[in-house]
N, C-alpha and C. Protein backbone atom coordinates (compact mmCIF):
# COMPACT_ATOMS: atom_id res chain seq x y z
N MET A 1 50.40 -67.33 -22.60
CA MET A 1 49.74 -68.43 -23.26
C MET A 1 50.72 -69.05 -24.24
N LEU A 2 50.90 -70.32 -24.13
CA LEU A 2 51.79 -71.04 -25.02
C LEU A 2 51.07 -71.37 -26.32
N LEU A 3 51.84 -71.44 -27.38
CA LEU A 3 51.27 -71.71 -28.68
C LEU A 3 50.59 -73.08 -28.72
N GLY A 4 51.13 -74.06 -28.07
CA GLY A 4 50.56 -75.40 -28.08
C GLY A 4 49.33 -75.55 -27.21
N SER A 5 48.99 -74.56 -26.37
CA SER A 5 47.86 -74.70 -25.46
C SER A 5 46.55 -74.12 -26.02
N PHE A 6 46.56 -73.66 -27.26
CA PHE A 6 45.35 -73.09 -27.85
C PHE A 6 44.44 -74.21 -28.33
N ASN A 7 43.18 -74.17 -27.91
CA ASN A 7 42.20 -75.16 -28.31
C ASN A 7 41.17 -74.48 -29.23
N PRO A 8 41.12 -74.86 -30.51
CA PRO A 8 40.19 -74.19 -31.43
C PRO A 8 38.73 -74.41 -31.08
N ASP A 9 38.41 -75.46 -30.33
CA ASP A 9 37.03 -75.69 -29.94
C ASP A 9 36.54 -74.68 -28.92
N ASP A 10 37.45 -74.07 -28.17
CA ASP A 10 37.09 -73.07 -27.17
C ASP A 10 36.88 -71.68 -27.77
N TRP A 11 37.28 -71.48 -29.01
CA TRP A 11 37.19 -70.16 -29.62
C TRP A 11 35.75 -69.88 -30.04
N ALA A 12 35.21 -68.78 -29.61
CA ALA A 12 33.86 -68.37 -29.98
C ALA A 12 33.96 -67.01 -30.67
N PRO A 13 33.46 -66.88 -31.89
CA PRO A 13 33.55 -65.60 -32.59
C PRO A 13 32.73 -64.53 -31.89
N ASP A 14 33.19 -63.29 -32.02
CA ASP A 14 32.45 -62.19 -31.40
C ASP A 14 31.34 -61.73 -32.34
N SER A 15 30.63 -60.71 -31.95
CA SER A 15 29.45 -60.27 -32.70
C SER A 15 29.80 -59.67 -34.06
N THR A 16 31.05 -59.30 -34.30
CA THR A 16 31.39 -58.71 -35.60
C THR A 16 31.41 -59.74 -36.70
N THR A 17 31.50 -61.03 -36.36
CA THR A 17 31.51 -62.06 -37.39
C THR A 17 30.15 -62.75 -37.52
N GLU A 18 29.24 -62.49 -36.62
CA GLU A 18 27.93 -63.10 -36.69
C GLU A 18 26.96 -62.13 -37.37
N VAL A 19 26.02 -62.69 -38.10
CA VAL A 19 25.03 -61.87 -38.78
C VAL A 19 23.88 -61.59 -37.82
N THR A 20 23.64 -60.32 -37.57
CA THR A 20 22.56 -59.93 -36.67
C THR A 20 21.30 -59.65 -37.49
N GLY A 21 20.21 -59.36 -36.80
CA GLY A 21 18.96 -59.03 -37.49
C GLY A 21 19.10 -57.78 -38.33
N ALA A 22 19.83 -56.79 -37.83
CA ALA A 22 20.02 -55.54 -38.57
C ALA A 22 20.84 -55.79 -39.83
N ASP A 23 21.86 -56.63 -39.73
CA ASP A 23 22.67 -56.96 -40.90
C ASP A 23 21.85 -57.72 -41.94
N ARG A 24 21.04 -58.62 -41.47
CA ARG A 24 20.19 -59.39 -42.37
C ARG A 24 19.20 -58.47 -43.10
N LEU A 25 18.60 -57.53 -42.36
CA LEU A 25 17.69 -56.56 -42.95
C LEU A 25 18.42 -55.67 -43.95
N LEU A 26 19.63 -55.28 -43.61
CA LEU A 26 20.43 -54.45 -44.51
C LEU A 26 20.76 -55.21 -45.79
N ASN A 27 21.10 -56.47 -45.69
CA ASN A 27 21.38 -57.28 -46.88
C ASN A 27 20.16 -57.41 -47.77
N ILE A 28 18.99 -57.60 -47.17
CA ILE A 28 17.75 -57.69 -47.95
C ILE A 28 17.47 -56.36 -48.62
N GLY A 29 17.64 -55.26 -47.91
CA GLY A 29 17.42 -53.93 -48.48
C GLY A 29 18.36 -53.65 -49.64
N ASN A 30 19.62 -54.00 -49.49
CA ASN A 30 20.58 -53.80 -50.58
C ASN A 30 20.22 -54.64 -51.80
N THR A 31 19.75 -55.86 -51.56
CA THR A 31 19.35 -56.72 -52.67
C THR A 31 18.15 -56.13 -53.41
N VAL A 32 17.17 -55.64 -52.68
CA VAL A 32 15.97 -55.07 -53.30
C VAL A 32 16.32 -53.82 -54.09
N VAL A 33 17.10 -52.91 -53.49
CA VAL A 33 17.48 -51.68 -54.19
C VAL A 33 18.33 -52.01 -55.42
N GLY A 34 19.22 -52.96 -55.32
CA GLY A 34 20.02 -53.36 -56.46
C GLY A 34 19.17 -53.94 -57.58
N PHE A 35 18.17 -54.74 -57.22
CA PHE A 35 17.27 -55.31 -58.22
C PHE A 35 16.46 -54.22 -58.91
N ILE A 36 15.95 -53.27 -58.14
CA ILE A 36 15.17 -52.17 -58.72
C ILE A 36 16.05 -51.34 -59.65
N ARG A 37 17.28 -51.07 -59.26
CA ARG A 37 18.20 -50.33 -60.13
C ARG A 37 18.45 -51.06 -61.44
N THR A 38 18.67 -52.37 -61.36
CA THR A 38 18.95 -53.15 -62.55
C THR A 38 17.76 -53.17 -63.50
N VAL A 39 16.58 -53.44 -62.96
CA VAL A 39 15.38 -53.48 -63.79
C VAL A 39 15.10 -52.10 -64.39
N ALA A 40 15.26 -51.04 -63.61
CA ALA A 40 15.02 -49.70 -64.12
C ALA A 40 16.02 -49.33 -65.21
N SER A 41 17.26 -49.73 -65.05
CA SER A 41 18.26 -49.43 -66.07
C SER A 41 17.95 -50.15 -67.38
N ILE A 42 17.62 -51.42 -67.29
CA ILE A 42 17.30 -52.20 -68.48
C ILE A 42 16.06 -51.63 -69.17
N ALA A 43 15.04 -51.33 -68.38
CA ALA A 43 13.80 -50.79 -68.96
C ALA A 43 14.03 -49.43 -69.60
N SER A 44 14.80 -48.57 -68.96
CA SER A 44 15.01 -47.23 -69.52
C SER A 44 15.81 -47.28 -70.81
N VAL A 45 16.80 -48.16 -70.90
CA VAL A 45 17.56 -48.29 -72.14
C VAL A 45 16.67 -48.86 -73.25
N ALA A 46 15.83 -49.83 -72.92
CA ALA A 46 14.94 -50.41 -73.93
C ALA A 46 13.95 -49.37 -74.44
N VAL A 47 13.35 -48.62 -73.53
CA VAL A 47 12.38 -47.59 -73.94
C VAL A 47 13.07 -46.51 -74.75
N LEU A 48 14.27 -46.11 -74.35
CA LEU A 48 15.00 -45.10 -75.11
C LEU A 48 15.31 -45.59 -76.52
N ALA A 49 15.67 -46.85 -76.67
CA ALA A 49 15.94 -47.41 -77.99
C ALA A 49 14.68 -47.42 -78.85
N ILE A 50 13.56 -47.79 -78.27
CA ILE A 50 12.30 -47.83 -79.02
C ILE A 50 11.90 -46.43 -79.45
N ILE A 51 11.96 -45.47 -78.55
CA ILE A 51 11.60 -44.09 -78.90
C ILE A 51 12.56 -43.54 -79.95
N GLY A 52 13.84 -43.85 -79.82
CA GLY A 52 14.81 -43.38 -80.80
C GLY A 52 14.58 -43.94 -82.18
N ILE A 53 14.28 -45.22 -82.27
CA ILE A 53 14.00 -45.84 -83.57
C ILE A 53 12.74 -45.25 -84.18
N LYS A 54 11.69 -45.09 -83.36
CA LYS A 54 10.45 -44.49 -83.87
C LYS A 54 10.70 -43.05 -84.33
N TYR A 55 11.55 -42.34 -83.61
CA TYR A 55 11.85 -40.95 -83.98
C TYR A 55 12.58 -40.91 -85.33
N MET A 56 13.52 -41.82 -85.54
CA MET A 56 14.29 -41.81 -86.78
C MET A 56 13.44 -42.16 -88.00
N ILE A 57 12.47 -43.05 -87.85
CA ILE A 57 11.69 -43.48 -89.01
C ILE A 57 10.35 -42.75 -89.11
N GLY A 58 10.05 -41.89 -88.18
CA GLY A 58 8.76 -41.21 -88.16
C GLY A 58 8.69 -40.01 -89.09
N SER A 59 7.47 -39.59 -89.35
CA SER A 59 7.24 -38.40 -90.16
C SER A 59 7.46 -37.16 -89.29
N VAL A 60 7.28 -35.98 -89.89
CA VAL A 60 7.50 -34.73 -89.17
C VAL A 60 6.53 -34.61 -88.00
N GLU A 61 5.26 -34.96 -88.23
CA GLU A 61 4.26 -34.88 -87.15
C GLU A 61 4.57 -35.88 -86.04
N GLU A 62 4.99 -37.07 -86.42
CA GLU A 62 5.34 -38.08 -85.42
C GLU A 62 6.57 -37.67 -84.62
N LYS A 63 7.52 -37.01 -85.27
CA LYS A 63 8.72 -36.56 -84.56
C LYS A 63 8.38 -35.55 -83.49
N ALA A 64 7.41 -34.67 -83.77
CA ALA A 64 6.98 -33.70 -82.76
C ALA A 64 6.34 -34.41 -81.57
N GLU A 65 5.57 -35.46 -81.86
CA GLU A 65 4.95 -36.23 -80.77
C GLU A 65 6.00 -36.97 -79.95
N TYR A 66 7.02 -37.51 -80.60
CA TYR A 66 8.07 -38.22 -79.87
C TYR A 66 8.91 -37.28 -79.02
N LYS A 67 9.04 -36.03 -79.44
CA LYS A 67 9.75 -35.05 -78.61
C LYS A 67 8.99 -34.81 -77.31
N LYS A 68 7.65 -34.78 -77.38
CA LYS A 68 6.84 -34.64 -76.17
C LYS A 68 7.00 -35.88 -75.29
N THR A 69 7.01 -37.05 -75.92
CA THR A 69 7.18 -38.30 -75.19
C THR A 69 8.55 -38.34 -74.51
N MET A 70 9.54 -37.82 -75.20
CA MET A 70 10.90 -37.83 -74.65
C MET A 70 10.99 -36.97 -73.39
N GLY A 71 10.26 -35.87 -73.33
CA GLY A 71 10.25 -35.04 -72.12
C GLY A 71 9.72 -35.80 -70.93
N THR A 72 8.62 -36.52 -71.13
CA THR A 72 8.05 -37.35 -70.06
C THR A 72 9.02 -38.46 -69.67
N TYR A 73 9.66 -39.05 -70.66
CA TYR A 73 10.63 -40.12 -70.41
C TYR A 73 11.78 -39.64 -69.53
N VAL A 74 12.29 -38.46 -69.82
CA VAL A 74 13.40 -37.91 -69.04
C VAL A 74 12.97 -37.67 -67.60
N VAL A 75 11.77 -37.14 -67.39
CA VAL A 75 11.28 -36.89 -66.03
C VAL A 75 11.14 -38.20 -65.27
N VAL A 76 10.59 -39.23 -65.91
CA VAL A 76 10.42 -40.53 -65.25
C VAL A 76 11.77 -41.14 -64.91
N CYS A 77 12.73 -41.05 -65.82
CA CYS A 77 14.07 -41.60 -65.56
C CYS A 77 14.73 -40.88 -64.38
N VAL A 78 14.61 -39.58 -64.34
CA VAL A 78 15.19 -38.82 -63.23
C VAL A 78 14.55 -39.23 -61.91
N LEU A 79 13.23 -39.41 -61.91
CA LEU A 79 12.55 -39.84 -60.69
C LEU A 79 12.97 -41.24 -60.26
N VAL A 80 13.00 -42.17 -61.21
CA VAL A 80 13.34 -43.56 -60.86
C VAL A 80 14.78 -43.65 -60.34
N PHE A 81 15.72 -43.07 -61.08
CA PHE A 81 17.11 -43.15 -60.65
C PHE A 81 17.37 -42.29 -59.42
N GLY A 82 16.65 -41.19 -59.30
CA GLY A 82 16.79 -40.36 -58.10
C GLY A 82 16.31 -41.07 -56.86
N ILE A 83 15.16 -41.75 -56.97
CA ILE A 83 14.60 -42.47 -55.82
C ILE A 83 15.52 -43.61 -55.40
N THR A 84 16.02 -44.38 -56.36
CA THR A 84 16.89 -45.50 -55.98
C THR A 84 18.21 -45.00 -55.39
N ASN A 85 18.73 -43.88 -55.90
CA ASN A 85 19.95 -43.34 -55.32
C ASN A 85 19.71 -42.76 -53.94
N ILE A 86 18.57 -42.13 -53.72
CA ILE A 86 18.23 -41.63 -52.39
C ILE A 86 18.10 -42.80 -51.41
N LEU A 87 17.47 -43.90 -51.87
CA LEU A 87 17.37 -45.08 -51.01
C LEU A 87 18.75 -45.64 -50.67
N ALA A 88 19.64 -45.65 -51.64
CA ALA A 88 21.00 -46.15 -51.39
C ALA A 88 21.72 -45.25 -50.39
N ILE A 89 21.52 -43.94 -50.48
CA ILE A 89 22.14 -43.01 -49.53
C ILE A 89 21.58 -43.24 -48.14
N VAL A 90 20.27 -43.44 -48.04
CA VAL A 90 19.65 -43.70 -46.73
C VAL A 90 20.20 -44.99 -46.13
N VAL A 91 20.36 -46.02 -46.95
CA VAL A 91 20.91 -47.29 -46.46
C VAL A 91 22.34 -47.10 -45.99
N ASP A 92 23.14 -46.33 -46.73
CA ASP A 92 24.52 -46.09 -46.32
C ASP A 92 24.59 -45.32 -45.01
N VAL A 93 23.74 -44.32 -44.85
CA VAL A 93 23.72 -43.55 -43.61
C VAL A 93 23.27 -44.42 -42.45
N ALA A 94 22.23 -45.23 -42.67
CA ALA A 94 21.76 -46.12 -41.62
C ALA A 94 22.83 -47.13 -41.24
N THR A 95 23.56 -47.62 -42.22
CA THR A 95 24.64 -48.57 -41.94
C THR A 95 25.72 -47.93 -41.09
N SER A 96 26.07 -46.68 -41.42
CA SER A 96 27.12 -46.02 -40.64
C SER A 96 26.65 -45.71 -39.23
N LEU A 97 25.35 -45.46 -39.05
CA LEU A 97 24.83 -45.19 -37.72
C LEU A 97 24.76 -46.46 -36.87
N ILE A 98 24.44 -47.58 -37.52
CA ILE A 98 24.31 -48.85 -36.80
C ILE A 98 25.69 -49.37 -36.40
N SER A 99 26.66 -49.22 -37.28
CA SER A 99 27.98 -49.78 -37.03
C SER A 99 28.73 -49.05 -35.96
């Protein structure tokens, strides 16, 4: 094939450059998981700041109550971040299986 005989109008991209239904679904899934992670991170930092400020200015009885609240907070944070990370792992595994 001569260099001058190439016609760019005849070139058709293969399936690796086209977005398929699976790729589109994967992009939507990544967007949703990313959004959930961002919202959960912002919310957890805000709640931690509020609990911390209340703990610092609270009385002895209030500090004991905030310690109980902090235990629940830690469990919820572990669940939220654990679930989003498990979803991200599932998406990565599914991506490697599809590709």
